[in-house]
PDB file of N, CA and C in Angstrom:
ATOM      1  N   UNK A   1      -1.789 103.306 -47.961  1.00  0.00           N
ATOM      2  CA  UNK A   1      -3.030 104.006 -48.155  1.00  0.00           C
ATOM      3  C   UNK A   1      -3.802 104.069 -46.847  1.00  0.00           C
ATOM      4  N   UNK A   2      -4.256 105.244 -46.476  1.00  0.00           N
ATOM      5  CA  UNK A   2      -4.943 105.416 -45.241  1.00  0.00           C
ATOM      6  C   UNK A   2      -6.466 105.297 -45.493  1.00  0.00           C
ATOM      7  N   UNK A   3      -7.096 104.466 -44.658  1.00  0.00           N
ATOM      8  CA  UNK A   3      -8.544 104.281 -44.806  1.00  0.00           C
ATOM      9  C   UNK A   3      -9.271 105.105 -43.763  1.00  0.00           C
ATOM     10  N   UNK A   4     -10.400 105.664 -44.151  1.00  0.00           N
ATOM     11  CA  UNK A   4     -11.153 106.475 -43.137  1.00  0.00           C
ATOM     12  C   UNK A   4     -11.742 105.554 -42.122  1.00  0.00           C
ATOM     13  N   UNK A   5     -11.910 105.997 -40.933  1.00  0.00           N
ATOM     14  CA  UNK A   5     -12.488 105.150 -39.900  1.00  0.00           C
ATOM     15  C   UNK A   5     -13.905 104.779 -40.244  1.00  0.00           C
ATOM     16  N   UNK A   6     -14.272 103.501 -39.949  1.00  0.00           N
ATOM     17  CA  UNK A   6     -15.581 103.065 -40.231  1.00  0.00           C
ATOM     18  C   UNK A   6     -16.596 103.641 -39.280  1.00  0.00           C
ATOM     19  N   UNK A   7     -17.721 104.009 -39.785  1.00  0.00           N
ATOM     20  CA  UNK A   7     -18.785 104.584 -38.932  1.00  0.00           C
ATOM     21  C   UNK A   7     -19.596 103.472 -38.306  1.00  0.00           C
ATOM     22  N   UNK A   8     -19.806 103.614 -37.050  1.00  0.00           N
ATOM     23  CA  UNK A   8     -20.664 102.659 -36.344  1.00  0.00           C
ATOM     24  C   UNK A   8     -22.057 103.302 -36.250  1.00  0.00           C
ATOM     25  N   UNK A   9     -23.056 102.463 -36.387  1.00  0.00           N
ATOM     26  CA  UNK A   9     -24.409 102.960 -36.275  1.00  0.00           C
ATOM     27  C   UNK A   9     -24.690 103.300 -34.854  1.00  0.00           C
ATOM     28  N   UNK A  10     -25.097 104.524 -34.646  1.00  0.00           N
ATOM     29  CA  UNK A  10     -25.439 104.967 -33.278  1.00  0.00           C
ATOM     30  C   UNK A  10     -26.798 104.440 -32.895  1.00  0.00           C
ATOM     31  N   UNK A  11     -27.093 104.376 -31.637  1.00  0.00           N
ATOM     32  CA  UNK A  11     -28.379 103.883 -31.176  1.00  0.00           C
ATOM     33  C   UNK A  11     -29.511 104.738 -31.641  1.00  0.00           C
ATOM     34  N   UNK A  12     -29.226 105.993 -31.989  1.00  0.00           N
ATOM     35  CA  UNK A  12     -30.277 106.899 -32.441  1.00  0.00           C
ATOM     36  C   UNK A  12     -30.366 107.016 -33.905  1.00  0.00           C
ATOM     37  N   UNK A  13     -29.739 106.066 -34.621  1.00  0.00           N
ATOM     38  CA  UNK A  13     -29.779 106.077 -36.088  1.00  0.00           C
ATOM     39  C   UNK A  13     -31.217 105.800 -36.566  1.00  0.00           C
ATOM     40  N   UNK A  14     -31.812 106.707 -37.356  1.00  0.00           N
ATOM     41  CA  UNK A  14     -33.195 106.505 -37.781  1.00  0.00           C
ATOM     42  C   UNK A  14     -33.419 105.182 -38.515  1.00  0.00           C
ATOM     43  N   UNK A  15     -32.433 104.714 -39.268  1.00  0.00           N
ATOM     44  CA  UNK A  15     -32.608 103.447 -39.961  1.00  0.00           C
ATOM     45  C   UNK A  15     -32.694 102.301 -38.991  1.00  0.00           C
ATOM     46  N   UNK A  16     -31.855 102.337 -38.002  1.00  0.00           N
ATOM     47  CA  UNK A  16     -31.903 101.279 -36.986  1.00  0.00           C
ATOM     48  C   UNK A  16     -33.192 101.311 -36.158  1.00  0.00           C
ATOM     49  N   UNK A  17     -33.671 102.490 -35.815  1.00  0.00           N
ATOM     50  CA  UNK A  17     -34.919 102.617 -35.121  1.00  0.00           C
ATOM     51  C   UNK A  17     -36.064 102.075 -35.959  1.00  0.00           C
ATOM     52  N   UNK A  18     -36.062 102.362 -37.245  1.00  0.00           N
ATOM     53  CA  UNK A  18     -37.111 101.893 -38.125  1.00  0.00           C
ATOM     54  C   UNK A  18     -37.072 100.363 -38.223  1.00  0.00           C
ATOM     55  N   UNK A  19     -35.918  99.806 -38.278  1.00  0.00           N
ATOM     56  CA  UNK A  19     -35.818  98.338 -38.426  1.00  0.00           C
ATOM     57  C   UNK A  19     -36.222  97.614 -37.156  1.00  0.00           C
ATOM     58  N   UNK A  20     -36.029  98.226 -35.981  1.00  0.00           N
ATOM     59  CA  UNK A  20     -36.344  97.615 -34.719  1.00  0.00           C
ATOM     60  C   UNK A  20     -37.692  98.067 -34.141  1.00  0.00           C
ATOM     61  N   UNK A  21     -38.427  98.847 -34.883  1.00  0.00           N
ATOM     62  CA  UNK A  21     -39.702  99.373 -34.354  1.00  0.00           C
ATOM     63  C   UNK A  21     -40.687  98.221 -34.132  1.00  0.00           C
ATOM     64  N   UNK A  22     -41.431  98.317 -33.062  1.00  0.00           N
ATOM     65  CA  UNK A  22     -42.499  97.332 -32.751  1.00  0.00           C
ATOM     66  C   UNK A  22     -43.773  98.043 -32.479  1.00  0.00           C
ATOM     67  N   UNK A  23     -44.881  97.460 -32.888  1.00  0.00           N
ATOM     68  CA  UNK A  23     -46.174  98.036 -32.622  1.00  0.00           C
ATOM     69  C   UNK A  23     -46.489  98.075 -31.147  1.00  0.00           C
ATOM     70  N   UNK A  24     -46.924  99.227 -30.616  1.00  0.00           N
ATOM     71  CA  UNK A  24     -47.261  99.249 -29.186  1.00  0.00           C
ATOM     72  C   UNK A  24     -48.499  98.458 -28.915  1.00  0.00           C
ATOM     73  N   UNK A  25     -48.703  98.050 -27.676  1.00  0.00           N
ATOM     74  CA  UNK A  25     -49.858  97.266 -27.328  1.00  0.00           C
ATOM     75  C   UNK A  25     -51.137  98.086 -27.572  1.00  0.00           C
ATOM     76  N   UNK A  26     -52.185  97.436 -27.990  1.00  0.00           N
ATOM     77  CA  UNK A  26     -53.440  98.137 -28.329  1.00  0.00           C
ATOM     78  C   UNK A  26     -54.014  98.861 -27.087  1.00  0.00           C
ATOM     79  N   UNK A  27     -53.745  98.354 -25.915  1.00  0.00           N
ATOM     80  CA  UNK A  27     -54.223  98.982 -24.670  1.00  0.00           C
ATOM     81  C   UNK A  27     -53.603 100.364 -24.566  1.00  0.00           C
ATOM     82  N   UNK A  28     -52.415 100.565 -25.016  1.00  0.00           N
ATOM     83  CA  UNK A  28     -51.716 101.811 -24.839  1.00  0.00           C
ATOM     84  C   UNK A  28     -52.064 102.849 -25.899  1.00  0.00           C
ATOM     85  N   UNK A  29     -52.719 102.426 -26.972  1.00  0.00           N
ATOM     86  CA  UNK A  29     -53.082 103.366 -28.056  1.00  0.00           C
ATOM     87  C   UNK A  29     -54.384 104.053 -27.798  1.00  0.00           C
ATOM     88  N   UNK A  30     -54.462 105.306 -28.173  1.00  0.00           N
ATOM     89  CA  UNK A  30     -55.683 106.059 -28.086  1.00  0.00           C
ATOM     90  C   UNK A  30     -56.524 105.874 -29.318  1.00  0.00           C
ATOM     91  N   UNK A  31     -57.837 105.938 -29.160  1.00  0.00           N
ATOM     92  CA  UNK A  31     -58.734 105.798 -30.318  1.00  0.00           C
ATOM     93  C   UNK A  31     -58.606 107.046 -31.153  1.00  0.00           C
ATOM     94  N   UNK A  32     -58.451 106.879 -32.484  1.00  0.00           N
ATOM     95  CA  UNK A  32     -58.338 108.085 -33.306  1.00  0.00           C
ATOM     96  C   UNK A  32     -59.635 108.831 -33.420  1.00  0.00           C
ATOM     97  N   UNK A  33     -59.575 110.130 -33.541  1.00  0.00           N
ATOM     98  CA  UNK A  33     -60.818 110.934 -33.706  1.00  0.00           C
ATOM     99  C   UNK A  33     -61.109 111.022 -35.194  1.00  0.00           C
ATOM    100  N   UNK A  34     -62.398 110.886 -35.569  1.00  0.00           N
ATOM    101  CA  UNK A  34     -62.822 110.963 -36.927  1.00  0.00           C
ATOM    102  C   UNK A  34     -63.279 112.422 -37.237  1.00  0.00           C
ATOM    103  N   UNK A  35     -62.941 112.838 -38.419  1.00  0.00           N
ATOM    104  CA  UNK A  35     -63.434 114.145 -38.861  1.00  0.00           C
ATOM    105  C   UNK A  35     -64.875 114.026 -39.277  1.00  0.00           C
ATOM    106  N   UNK A  36     -65.547 115.118 -39.471  1.00  0.00           N
ATOM    107  CA  UNK A  36     -66.953 115.135 -39.856  1.00  0.00           C
ATOM    108  C   UNK A  36     -67.206 114.380 -41.187  1.00  0.00           C
ATOM    109  N   UNK A  37     -66.455 114.686 -42.246  1.00  0.00           N
ATOM    110  CA  UNK A  37     -66.694 113.986 -43.505  1.00  0.00           C
ATOM    111  C   UNK A  37     -66.449 112.477 -43.398  1.00  0.00           C
ATOM    112  N   UNK A  38     -65.434 112.056 -42.613  1.00  0.00           N
ATOM    113  CA  UNK A  38     -65.202 110.649 -42.458  1.00  0.00           C
ATOM    114  C   UNK A  38     -66.357 109.951 -41.716  1.00  0.00           C
ATOM    115  N   UNK A  39     -66.857 110.628 -40.684  1.00  0.00           N
ATOM    116  CA  UNK A  39     -67.997 110.081 -39.962  1.00  0.00           C
ATOM    117  C   UNK A  39     -69.215 109.880 -40.863  1.00  0.00           C
ATOM    118  N   UNK A  40     -69.480 110.946 -41.719  1.00  0.00           N
ATOM    119  CA  UNK A  40     -70.631 110.852 -42.620  1.00  0.00           C
ATOM    120  C   UNK A  40     -70.387 109.697 -43.620  1.00  0.00           C
ATOM    121  N   UNK A  41     -69.151 109.532 -44.138  1.00  0.00           N
ATOM    122  CA  UNK A  41     -68.863 108.490 -45.053  1.00  0.00           C
ATOM    123  C   UNK A  41     -69.055 107.125 -44.415  1.00  0.00           C
ATOM    124  N   UNK A  42     -68.678 106.973 -43.194  1.00  0.00           N
ATOM    125  CA  UNK A  42     -68.839 105.678 -42.519  1.00  0.00           C
ATOM    126  C   UNK A  42     -70.362 105.347 -42.249  1.00  0.00           C
ATOM    127  N   UNK A  43     -71.116 106.388 -41.920  1.00  0.00           N
ATOM    128  CA  UNK A  43     -72.554 106.172 -41.747  1.00  0.00           C
ATOM    129  C   UNK A  43     -73.181 105.827 -43.079  1.00  0.00           C
ATOM    130  N   UNK A  44     -72.754 106.459 -44.182  1.00  0.00           N
ATOM    131  CA  UNK A  44     -73.260 106.170 -45.503  1.00  0.00           C
ATOM    132  C   UNK A  44     -72.971 104.725 -45.899  1.00  0.00           C
ATOM    133  N   UNK A  45     -71.744 104.308 -45.603  1.00  0.00           N
ATOM    134  CA  UNK A  45     -71.384 102.903 -45.953  1.00  0.00           C
ATOM    135  C   UNK A  45     -72.130 101.896 -45.103  1.00  0.00           C
ATOM    136  N   UNK A  46     -72.382 102.205 -43.846  1.00  0.00           N
ATOM    137  CA  UNK A  46     -73.189 101.361 -43.011  1.00  0.00           C
ATOM    138  C   UNK A  46     -74.608 101.268 -43.499  1.00  0.00           C
ATOM    139  N   UNK A  47     -75.152 102.419 -43.902  1.00  0.00           N
ATOM    140  CA  UNK A  47     -76.498 102.444 -44.458  1.00  0.00           C
ATOM    141  C   UNK A  47     -76.625 101.656 -45.729  1.00  0.00           C
ATOM    142  N   UNK A  48     -75.596 101.763 -46.572  1.00  0.00           N
ATOM    143  CA  UNK A  48     -75.565 101.001 -47.809  1.00  0.00           C
ATOM    144  C   UNK A  48     -75.517  99.493 -47.536  1.00  0.00           C
ATOM    145  N   UNK A  49     -74.769  99.096 -46.569  1.00  0.00           N
ATOM    146  CA  UNK A  49     -74.654  97.699 -46.175  1.00  0.00           C
ATOM    147  C   UNK A  49     -76.021  97.184 -45.676  1.00  0.00           C
ATOM    148  N   UNK A  50     -76.699  97.960 -44.789  1.00  0.00           N
ATOM    149  CA  UNK A  50     -77.980  97.528 -44.281  1.00  0.00           C
ATOM    150  C   UNK A  50     -78.989  97.454 -45.396  1.00  0.00           C
ATOM    151  N   UNK A  51     -79.034  98.464 -46.299  1.00  0.00           N
ATOM    152  CA  UNK A  51     -79.953  98.413 -47.408  1.00  0.00           C
ATOM    153  C   UNK A  51     -79.736  97.242 -48.331  1.00  0.00           C
ATOM    154  N   UNK A  52     -78.486  96.918 -48.613  1.00  0.00           N
ATOM    155  CA  UNK A  52     -78.210  95.776 -49.458  1.00  0.00           C
ATOM    156  C   UNK A  52     -78.651  94.497 -48.827  1.00  0.00           C
ATOM    157  N   UNK A  53     -78.490  94.334 -47.548  1.00  0.00           N
ATOM    158  CA  UNK A  53     -78.890  93.078 -46.835  1.00  0.00           C
ATOM    159  C   UNK A  53     -80.422  93.022 -46.901  1.00  0.00           C
ATOM    160  N   UNK A  54     -81.133  94.129 -46.697  1.00  0.00           N
ATOM    161  CA  UNK A  54     -82.600  94.110 -46.775  1.00  0.00           C
ATOM    162  C   UNK A  54     -83.054  93.710 -48.196  1.00  0.00           C
ATOM    163  N   UNK A  55     -82.431  94.311 -49.207  1.00  0.00           N
ATOM    164  CA  UNK A  55     -82.798  94.007 -50.604  1.00  0.00           C
ATOM    165  C   UNK A  55     -82.535  92.520 -50.946  1.00  0.00           C
ATOM    166  N   UNK A  56     -81.444  91.968 -50.418  1.00  0.00           N
ATOM    167  CA  UNK A  56     -81.162  90.562 -50.660  1.00  0.00           C
ATOM    168  C   UNK A  56     -82.193  89.688 -49.974  1.00  0.00           C
ATOM    169  N   UNK A  57     -82.614  90.053 -48.792  1.00  0.00           N
ATOM    170  CA  UNK A  57     -83.676  89.294 -48.094  1.00  0.00           C
ATOM    171  C   UNK A  57     -84.968  89.355 -48.848  1.00  0.00           C
ATOM    172  N   UNK A  58     -85.338  90.555 -49.358  1.00  0.00           N
ATOM    173  CA  UNK A  58     -86.565  90.681 -50.148  1.00  0.00           C
ATOM    174  C   UNK A  58     -86.469  89.821 -51.419  1.00  0.00           C
ATOM    175  N   UNK A  59     -85.316  89.845 -52.092  1.00  0.00           N
ATOM    176  CA  UNK A  59     -85.179  89.048 -53.315  1.00  0.00           C
ATOM    177  C   UNK A  59     -85.291  87.532 -52.960  1.00  0.00           C
ATOM    178  N   UNK A  60     -84.686  87.117 -51.830  1.00  0.00           N
ATOM    179  CA  UNK A  60     -84.780  85.712 -51.473  1.00  0.00           C
ATOM    180  C   UNK A  60     -86.222  85.313 -51.188  1.00  0.00           C
ATOM    181  N   UNK A  61     -86.985  86.172 -50.563  1.00  0.00           N
ATOM    182  CA  UNK A  61     -88.422  85.867 -50.283  1.00  0.00           C
ATOM    183  C   UNK A  61     -89.168  85.798 -51.608  1.00  0.00           C
ATOM    184  N   UNK A  62     -88.932  86.751 -52.482  1.00  0.00           N
ATOM    185  CA  UNK A  62     -89.611  86.741 -53.817  1.00  0.00           C
ATOM    186  C   UNK A  62     -89.294  85.440 -54.559  1.00  0.00           C
ATOM    187  N   UNK A  63     -88.048  84.986 -54.553  1.00  0.00           N
ATOM    188  CA  UNK A  63     -87.748  83.734 -55.244  1.00  0.00           C
ATOM    189  C   UNK A  63     -88.375  82.556 -54.582  1.00  0.00           C
ATOM    190  N   UNK A  64     -88.498  82.583 -53.253  1.00  0.00           N
ATOM    191  CA  UNK A  64     -89.083  81.455 -52.517  1.00  0.00           C
ATOM    192  C   UNK A  64     -90.623  81.412 -52.754  1.00  0.00           C
ATOM    193  N   UNK A  65     -91.229  82.549 -52.966  1.00  0.00           N
ATOM    194  CA  UNK A  65     -92.691  82.584 -53.193  1.00  0.00           C
ATOM    195  C   UNK A  65     -93.084  82.127 -54.555  1.00  0.00           C
ATOM    196  N   UNK A  66     -92.176  82.217 -55.551  1.00  0.00           N
ATOM    197  CA  UNK A  66     -92.467  81.797 -56.922  1.00  0.00           C
ATOM    198  C   UNK A  66     -92.612  80.285 -57.057  1.00  0.00           C
ATOM    199  N   UNK A  67     -92.082  79.513 -56.219  1.00  0.00           N
ATOM    200  CA  UNK A  67     -92.107  78.060 -56.379  1.00  0.00           C
ATOM    201  C   UNK A  67     -93.281  77.455 -55.692  1.00  0.00           C
TER     202      UNK A  67
END
């Protein structure tokens, strides 16, 4: 019985490239650009965070003043 020749993985095999992929150094990466809606969402989240911290501080002062 004749067997077909075995295939060797070429250096450009996508599977091999994926298995050997390494993250490039952060210095070499460019900063991603944000779209308008993403920028608005990030500012909204930052505002929500600031507002929640202020409200927690107000609540802490209120509780401290009751005693």
